């Protein structure tokens, strides 16, 4: 499911997060997860978050405009 996000809001999010995903803090066009800390890198490796099927899924999500995910500000 995709919700319409106004262009102005998208730009504000991109400006605020430096063209990175607000959820995972990676560049929007990246489809591989990159751990920012030792624990993050270990979690990505342990959970196999960069296995080929997930990378392909993220590539498709980027093409469909579903990645990066939009999150609410808490």
PDB file of N, CA and C in Angstrom:
ATOM      1  N   UNK A   1       0.843  -1.165   0.000  1.00  0.00           N
ATOM      2  CA  UNK A   1       0.000   0.000   0.000  1.00  0.00           C
ATOM      3  C   UNK A   1       0.895   1.237   0.000  1.00  0.00           C
ATOM      4  N   UNK A   2       0.508   2.224  -0.775  1.00  0.00           N
ATOM      5  CA  UNK A   2       1.291   3.438  -0.876  1.00  0.00           C
ATOM      6  C   UNK A   2       0.399   4.640  -0.591  1.00  0.00           C
ATOM      7  N   UNK A   3       0.885   5.522   0.235  1.00  0.00           N
ATOM      8  CA  UNK A   3       0.153   6.737   0.540  1.00  0.00           C
ATOM      9  C   UNK A   3       0.781   7.893  -0.231  1.00  0.00           C
ATOM     10  N   UNK A   4      -0.049   8.830  -0.677  1.00  0.00           N
ATOM     11  CA  UNK A   4       0.467  10.007  -1.374  1.00  0.00           C
ATOM     12  C   UNK A   4       1.194  10.901  -0.380  1.00  0.00           C
ATOM     13  N   UNK A   5       2.389  11.300  -0.745  1.00  0.00           N
ATOM     14  CA  UNK A   5       3.172  12.197   0.094  1.00  0.00           C
ATOM     15  C   UNK A   5       3.453  13.444  -0.745  1.00  0.00           C
ATOM     16  N   UNK A   6       2.999  14.598  -0.281  1.00  0.00           N
ATOM     17  CA  UNK A   6       3.219  15.821  -1.059  1.00  0.00           C
ATOM     18  C   UNK A   6       4.698  16.056  -1.361  1.00  0.00           C
ATOM     19  N   UNK A   7       4.965  16.618  -2.529  1.00  0.00           N
ATOM     20  CA  UNK A   7       6.330  16.880  -2.973  1.00  0.00           C
ATOM     21  C   UNK A   7       7.066  17.754  -1.962  1.00  0.00           C
ATOM     22  N   UNK A   8       6.392  18.756  -1.437  1.00  0.00           N
ATOM     23  CA  UNK A   8       7.025  19.657  -0.465  1.00  0.00           C
ATOM     24  C   UNK A   8       7.481  18.892   0.784  1.00  0.00           C
ATOM     25  N   UNK A   9       6.664  17.977   1.270  1.00  0.00           N
ATOM     26  CA  UNK A   9       7.026  17.185   2.435  1.00  0.00           C
ATOM     27  C   UNK A   9       8.198  16.263   2.126  1.00  0.00           C
ATOM     28  N   UNK A  10       8.184  15.639   0.961  1.00  0.00           N
ATOM     29  CA  UNK A  10       9.309  14.783   0.562  1.00  0.00           C
ATOM     30  C   UNK A  10      10.619  15.578   0.568  1.00  0.00           C
ATOM     31  N   UNK A  11      10.556  16.810   0.025  1.00  0.00           N
ATOM     32  CA  UNK A  11      11.763  17.637  -0.031  1.00  0.00           C
ATOM     33  C   UNK A  11      12.233  18.019   1.362  1.00  0.00           C
ATOM     34  N   UNK A  12      11.298  18.323   2.253  1.00  0.00           N
ATOM     35  CA  UNK A  12      11.669  18.657   3.631  1.00  0.00           C
ATOM     36  C   UNK A  12      12.369  17.473   4.300  1.00  0.00           C
ATOM     37  N   UNK A  13      11.877  16.276   4.064  1.00  0.00           N
ATOM     38  CA  UNK A  13      12.488  15.075   4.640  1.00  0.00           C
ATOM     39  C   UNK A  13      13.879  14.866   4.053  1.00  0.00           C
ATOM     40  N   UNK A  14      14.001  15.009   2.733  1.00  0.00           N
ATOM     41  CA  UNK A  14      15.313  14.848   2.106  1.00  0.00           C
ATOM     42  C   UNK A  14      16.306  15.871   2.643  1.00  0.00           C
ATOM     43  N   UNK A  15      15.857  17.114   2.789  1.00  0.00           N
ATOM     44  CA  UNK A  15      16.740  18.158   3.322  1.00  0.00           C
ATOM     45  C   UNK A  15      17.157  17.845   4.757  1.00  0.00           C
ATOM     46  N   UNK A  16      16.200  17.417   5.558  1.00  0.00           N
ATOM     47  CA  UNK A  16      16.479  17.154   6.974  1.00  0.00           C
ATOM     48  C   UNK A  16      17.442  15.990   7.165  1.00  0.00           C
ATOM     49  N   UNK A  17      17.300  14.957   6.342  1.00  0.00           N
ATOM     50  CA  UNK A  17      18.108  13.748   6.515  1.00  0.00           C
ATOM     51  C   UNK A  17      19.226  13.630   5.478  1.00  0.00           C
ATOM     52  N   UNK A  18      19.536  14.710   4.790  1.00  0.00           N
ATOM     53  CA  UNK A  18      20.665  14.712   3.857  1.00  0.00           C
ATOM     54  C   UNK A  18      20.536  13.699   2.746  1.00  0.00           C
ATOM     55  N   UNK A  19      19.335  13.609   2.142  1.00  0.00           N
ATOM     56  CA  UNK A  19      19.059  12.656   1.059  1.00  0.00           C
ATOM     57  C   UNK A  19      19.292  11.217   1.478  1.00  0.00           C
ATOM     58  N   UNK A  20      19.129  10.962   2.761  1.00  0.00           N
ATOM     59  CA  UNK A  20      19.225   9.604   3.279  1.00  0.00           C
ATOM     60  C   UNK A  20      17.868   9.153   3.764  1.00  0.00           C
ATOM     61  N   UNK A  21      17.708   7.874   3.855  1.00  0.00           N
ATOM     62  CA  UNK A  21      16.479   7.287   4.367  1.00  0.00           C
ATOM     63  C   UNK A  21      16.287   7.708   5.819  1.00  0.00           C
ATOM     64  N   UNK A  22      15.124   8.243   6.144  1.00  0.00           N
ATOM     65  CA  UNK A  22      14.844   8.668   7.511  1.00  0.00           C
ATOM     66  C   UNK A  22      14.720   7.472   8.440  1.00  0.00           C
ATOM     67  N   UNK A  23      14.465   6.308   7.885  1.00  0.00           N
ATOM     68  CA  UNK A  23      14.278   5.100   8.691  1.00  0.00           C
ATOM     69  C   UNK A  23      15.614   4.422   9.007  1.00  0.00           C
ATOM     70  N   UNK A  24      16.389   4.145   7.976  1.00  0.00           N
ATOM     71  CA  UNK A  24      17.611   3.366   8.191  1.00  0.00           C
ATOM     72  C   UNK A  24      18.892   4.180   7.991  1.00  0.00           C
ATOM     73  N   UNK A  25      18.759   5.472   7.627  1.00  0.00           N
ATOM     74  CA  UNK A  25      19.882   6.396   7.495  1.00  0.00           C
ATOM     75  C   UNK A  25      20.887   5.996   6.421  1.00  0.00           C
ATOM     76  N   UNK A  26      20.426   5.298   5.390  1.00  0.00           N
ATOM     77  CA  UNK A  26      21.289   5.018   4.249  1.00  0.00           C
ATOM     78  C   UNK A  26      20.815   5.864   3.077  1.00  0.00           C
ATOM     79  N   UNK A  27      21.678   6.069   2.110  1.00  0.00           N
ATOM     80  CA  UNK A  27      21.291   6.845   0.934  1.00  0.00           C
ATOM     81  C   UNK A  27      20.069   6.199   0.290  1.00  0.00           C
ATOM     82  N   UNK A  28      19.156   7.040  -0.201  1.00  0.00           N
ATOM     83  CA  UNK A  28      17.896   6.540  -0.728  1.00  0.00           C
ATOM     84  C   UNK A  28      18.071   5.516  -1.841  1.00  0.00           C
ATOM     85  N   UNK A  29      19.108   5.680  -2.644  1.00  0.00           N
ATOM     86  CA  UNK A  29      19.278   4.791  -3.783  1.00  0.00           C
ATOM     87  C   UNK A  29      19.979   3.488  -3.415  1.00  0.00           C
ATOM     88  N   UNK A  30      20.517   3.386  -2.207  1.00  0.00           N
ATOM     89  CA  UNK A  30      21.212   2.168  -1.806  1.00  0.00           C
ATOM     90  C   UNK A  30      20.215   1.061  -1.501  1.00  0.00           C
ATOM     91  N   UNK A  31      20.542  -0.117  -1.904  1.00  0.00           N
ATOM     92  CA  UNK A  31      19.662  -1.248  -1.646  1.00  0.00           C
ATOM     93  C   UNK A  31      20.315  -2.256  -0.709  1.00  0.00           C
ATOM     94  N   UNK A  32      21.528  -1.970  -0.273  1.00  0.00           N
ATOM     95  CA  UNK A  32      22.189  -2.823   0.712  1.00  0.00           C
ATOM     96  C   UNK A  32      22.262  -2.078   2.035  1.00  0.00           C
ATOM     97  N   UNK A  33      22.021  -2.797   3.114  1.00  0.00           N
ATOM     98  CA  UNK A  33      22.071  -2.201   4.441  1.00  0.00           C
ATOM     99  C   UNK A  33      23.524  -2.038   4.864  1.00  0.00           C
ATOM    100  N   UNK A  34      23.819  -0.919   5.515  1.00  0.00           N
ATOM    101  CA  UNK A  34      25.164  -0.632   5.989  1.00  0.00           C
ATOM    102  C   UNK A  34      25.053  -0.303   7.474  1.00  0.00           C
ATOM    103  N   UNK A  35      25.700  -1.083   8.306  1.00  0.00           N
ATOM    104  CA  UNK A  35      25.664  -0.831   9.745  1.00  0.00           C
ATOM    105  C   UNK A  35      26.496   0.377  10.113  1.00  0.00           C
ATOM    106  N   UNK A  36      25.941   1.248  10.944  1.00  0.00           N
ATOM    107  CA  UNK A  36      26.657   2.440  11.364  1.00  0.00           C
ATOM    108  C   UNK A  36      27.573   2.170  12.548  1.00  0.00           C
ATOM    109  N   UNK A  37      27.291   1.112  13.289  1.00  0.00           N
ATOM    110  CA  UNK A  37      28.086   0.765  14.469  1.00  0.00           C
ATOM    111  C   UNK A  37      28.482  -0.703  14.374  1.00  0.00           C
ATOM    112  N   UNK A  38      29.334  -1.128  15.276  1.00  0.00           N
ATOM    113  CA  UNK A  38      29.738  -2.532  15.312  1.00  0.00           C
ATOM    114  C   UNK A  38      28.518  -3.430  15.549  1.00  0.00           C
ATOM    115  N   UNK A  39      27.646  -3.008  16.451  1.00  0.00           N
ATOM    116  CA  UNK A  39      26.430  -3.780  16.745  1.00  0.00           C
ATOM    117  C   UNK A  39      25.518  -3.819  15.516  1.00  0.00           C
ATOM    118  N   UNK A  40      25.391  -2.682  14.838  1.00  0.00           N
ATOM    119  CA  UNK A  40      24.573  -2.632  13.630  1.00  0.00           C
ATOM    120  C   UNK A  40      25.105  -3.549  12.546  1.00  0.00           C
ATOM    121  N   UNK A  41      26.410  -3.532  12.353  1.00  0.00           N
ATOM    122  CA  UNK A  41      27.019  -4.414  11.345  1.00  0.00           C
ATOM    123  C   UNK A  41      26.837  -5.881  11.717  1.00  0.00           C
ATOM    124  N   UNK A  42      26.957  -6.193  13.007  1.00  0.00           N
ATOM    125  CA  UNK A  42      26.753  -7.579  13.454  1.00  0.00           C
ATOM    126  C   UNK A  42      25.305  -8.012  13.248  1.00  0.00           C
ATOM    127  N   UNK A  43      24.367  -7.118  13.527  1.00  0.00           N
ATOM    128  CA  UNK A  43      22.950  -7.443  13.336  1.00  0.00           C
ATOM    129  C   UNK A  43      22.650  -7.705  11.865  1.00  0.00           C
ATOM    130  N   UNK A  44      23.189  -6.868  10.985  1.00  0.00           N
ATOM    131  CA  UNK A  44      22.961  -7.045   9.544  1.00  0.00           C
ATOM    132  C   UNK A  44      23.528  -8.381   9.081  1.00  0.00           C
ATOM    133  N   UNK A  45      24.717  -8.716   9.555  1.00  0.00           N
ATOM    134  CA  UNK A  45      25.332  -9.992   9.173  1.00  0.00           C
ATOM    135  C   UNK A  45      24.551 -11.171   9.741  1.00  0.00           C
ATOM    136  N   UNK A  46      24.189 -11.100  11.022  1.00  0.00           N
ATOM    137  CA  UNK A  46      23.479 -12.202  11.674  1.00  0.00           C
ATOM    138  C   UNK A  46      22.117 -12.452  11.041  1.00  0.00           C
ATOM    139  N   UNK A  47      21.411 -11.373  10.734  1.00  0.00           N
ATOM    140  CA  UNK A  47      20.072 -11.497  10.147  1.00  0.00           C
ATOM    141  C   UNK A  47      20.102 -11.654   8.625  1.00  0.00           C
ATOM    142  N   UNK A  48      21.314 -11.635   8.061  1.00  0.00           N
ATOM    143  CA  UNK A  48      21.501 -11.784   6.620  1.00  0.00           C
ATOM    144  C   UNK A  48      20.625 -10.802   5.841  1.00  0.00           C
ATOM    145  N   UNK A  49      20.681  -9.547   6.257  1.00  0.00           N
ATOM    146  CA  UNK A  49      19.826  -8.523   5.665  1.00  0.00           C
ATOM    147  C   UNK A  49      20.256  -8.094   4.266  1.00  0.00           C
ATOM    148  N   UNK A  50      21.420  -8.530   3.817  1.00  0.00           N
ATOM    149  CA  UNK A  50      21.874  -8.214   2.464  1.00  0.00           C
ATOM    150  C   UNK A  50      21.902  -9.444   1.562  1.00  0.00           C
ATOM    151  N   UNK A  51      21.127 -10.456   1.938  1.00  0.00           N
ATOM    152  CA  UNK A  51      21.085 -11.628   1.059  1.00  0.00           C
ATOM    153  C   UNK A  51      20.429 -11.220  -0.269  1.00  0.00           C
ATOM    154  N   UNK A  52      20.777 -11.900  -1.358  1.00  0.00           N
ATOM    155  CA  UNK A  52      20.346 -11.485  -2.695  1.00  0.00           C
ATOM    156  C   UNK A  52      18.836 -11.233  -2.837  1.00  0.00           C
ATOM    157  N   UNK A  53      18.013 -12.059  -2.227  1.00  0.00           N
ATOM    158  CA  UNK A  53      16.566 -11.870  -2.371  1.00  0.00           C
ATOM    159  C   UNK A  53      16.105 -10.551  -1.755  1.00  0.00           C
ATOM    160  N   UNK A  54      16.692 -10.164  -0.618  1.00  0.00           N
ATOM    161  CA  UNK A  54      16.300  -8.901   0.016  1.00  0.00           C
ATOM    162  C   UNK A  54      16.830  -7.699  -0.758  1.00  0.00           C
ATOM    163  N   UNK A  55      18.030  -7.809  -1.293  1.00  0.00           N
ATOM    164  CA  UNK A  55      18.573  -6.717  -2.102  1.00  0.00           C
ATOM    165  C   UNK A  55      17.702  -6.518  -3.338  1.00  0.00           C
ATOM    166  N   UNK A  56      17.312  -7.616  -3.985  1.00  0.00           N
ATOM    167  CA  UNK A  56      16.430  -7.507  -5.155  1.00  0.00           C
ATOM    168  C   UNK A  56      15.087  -6.893  -4.777  1.00  0.00           C
ATOM    169  N   UNK A  57      14.557  -7.284  -3.630  1.00  0.00           N
ATOM    170  CA  UNK A  57      13.283  -6.715  -3.171  1.00  0.00           C
ATOM    171  C   UNK A  57      13.425  -5.209  -2.963  1.00  0.00           C
ATOM    172  N   UNK A  58      14.508  -4.776  -2.322  1.00  0.00           N
ATOM    173  CA  UNK A  58      14.710  -3.341  -2.110  1.00  0.00           C
ATOM    174  C   UNK A  58      14.854  -2.604  -3.429  1.00  0.00           C
ATOM    175  N   UNK A  59      15.521  -3.216  -4.408  1.00  0.00           N
ATOM    176  CA  UNK A  59      15.652  -2.590  -5.732  1.00  0.00           C
ATOM    177  C   UNK A  59      14.275  -2.367  -6.352  1.00  0.00           C
ATOM    178  N   UNK A  60      13.402  -3.360  -6.222  1.00  0.00           N
ATOM    179  CA  UNK A  60      12.043  -3.222  -6.757  1.00  0.00           C
ATOM    180  C   UNK A  60      11.277  -2.146  -6.000  1.00  0.00           C
ATOM    181  N   UNK A  61      11.459  -2.091  -4.684  1.00  0.00           N
ATOM    182  CA  UNK A  61      10.773  -1.069  -3.879  1.00  0.00           C
ATOM    183  C   UNK A  61      11.210   0.329  -4.286  1.00  0.00           C
ATOM    184  N   UNK A  62      12.511   0.503  -4.583  1.00  0.00           N
ATOM    185  CA  UNK A  62      13.007   1.804  -5.035  1.00  0.00           C
ATOM    186  C   UNK A  62      12.314   2.177  -6.331  1.00  0.00           C
ATOM    187  N   UNK A  63      12.242   1.234  -7.273  1.00  0.00           N
ATOM    188  CA  UNK A  63      11.602   1.497  -8.563  1.00  0.00           C
ATOM    189  C   UNK A  63      10.126   1.849  -8.402  1.00  0.00           C
ATOM    190  N   UNK A  64       9.468   1.255  -7.412  1.00  0.00           N
ATOM    191  CA  UNK A  64       8.047   1.511  -7.177  1.00  0.00           C
ATOM    192  C   UNK A  64       7.805   2.734  -6.300  1.00  0.00           C
ATOM    193  N   UNK A  65       8.882   3.336  -5.807  1.00  0.00           N
ATOM    194  CA  UNK A  65       8.743   4.498  -4.941  1.00  0.00           C
ATOM    195  C   UNK A  65       8.366   4.151  -3.507  1.00  0.00           C
ATOM    196  N   UNK A  66       8.575   2.900  -3.133  1.00  0.00           N
ATOM    197  CA  UNK A  66       8.236   2.444  -1.787  1.00  0.00           C
ATOM    198  C   UNK A  66       9.420   2.420  -0.832  1.00  0.00           C
ATOM    199  N   UNK A  67      10.621   2.681  -1.361  1.00  0.00           N
ATOM    200  CA  UNK A  67      11.813   2.701  -0.513  1.00  0.00           C
ATOM    201  C   UNK A  67      12.529   4.008  -0.755  1.00  0.00           C
ATOM    202  N   UNK A  68      12.923   4.728   0.215  1.00  0.00           N
ATOM    203  CA  UNK A  68      12.908   4.360   1.620  1.00  0.00           C
ATOM    204  C   UNK A  68      11.512   4.506   2.215  1.00  0.00           C
ATOM    205  N   UNK A  69      11.265   3.765   3.284  1.00  0.00           N
ATOM    206  CA  UNK A  69       9.954   3.878   3.930  1.00  0.00           C
ATOM    207  C   UNK A  69       9.778   5.247   4.571  1.00  0.00           C
ATOM    208  N   UNK A  70       8.545   5.687   4.649  1.00  0.00           N
ATOM    209  CA  UNK A  70       8.239   6.947   5.313  1.00  0.00           C
ATOM    210  C   UNK A  70       7.829   6.647   6.741  1.00  0.00           C
ATOM    211  N   UNK A  71       8.428   7.347   7.679  1.00  0.00           N
ATOM    212  CA  UNK A  71       8.102   7.131   9.083  1.00  0.00           C
ATOM    213  C   UNK A  71       7.557   8.406   9.689  1.00  0.00           C
ATOM    214  N   UNK A  72       6.830   8.252  10.774  1.00  0.00           N
ATOM    215  CA  UNK A  72       6.315   9.408  11.508  1.00  0.00           C
ATOM    216  C   UNK A  72       7.427   9.937  12.407  1.00  0.00           C
ATOM    217  N   UNK A  73       7.431  11.239  12.624  1.00  0.00           N
ATOM    218  CA  UNK A  73       8.356  11.821  13.590  1.00  0.00           C
ATOM    219  C   UNK A  73       7.830  11.566  14.968  1.00  0.00           C
ATOM    220  N   UNK A  74       8.660  11.027  15.840  1.00  0.00           N
ATOM    221  CA  UNK A  74       8.221  10.738  17.200  1.00  0.00           C
ATOM    222  C   UNK A  74       8.672  11.826  18.126  1.00  0.00           C
TER     223      UNK A  74
END
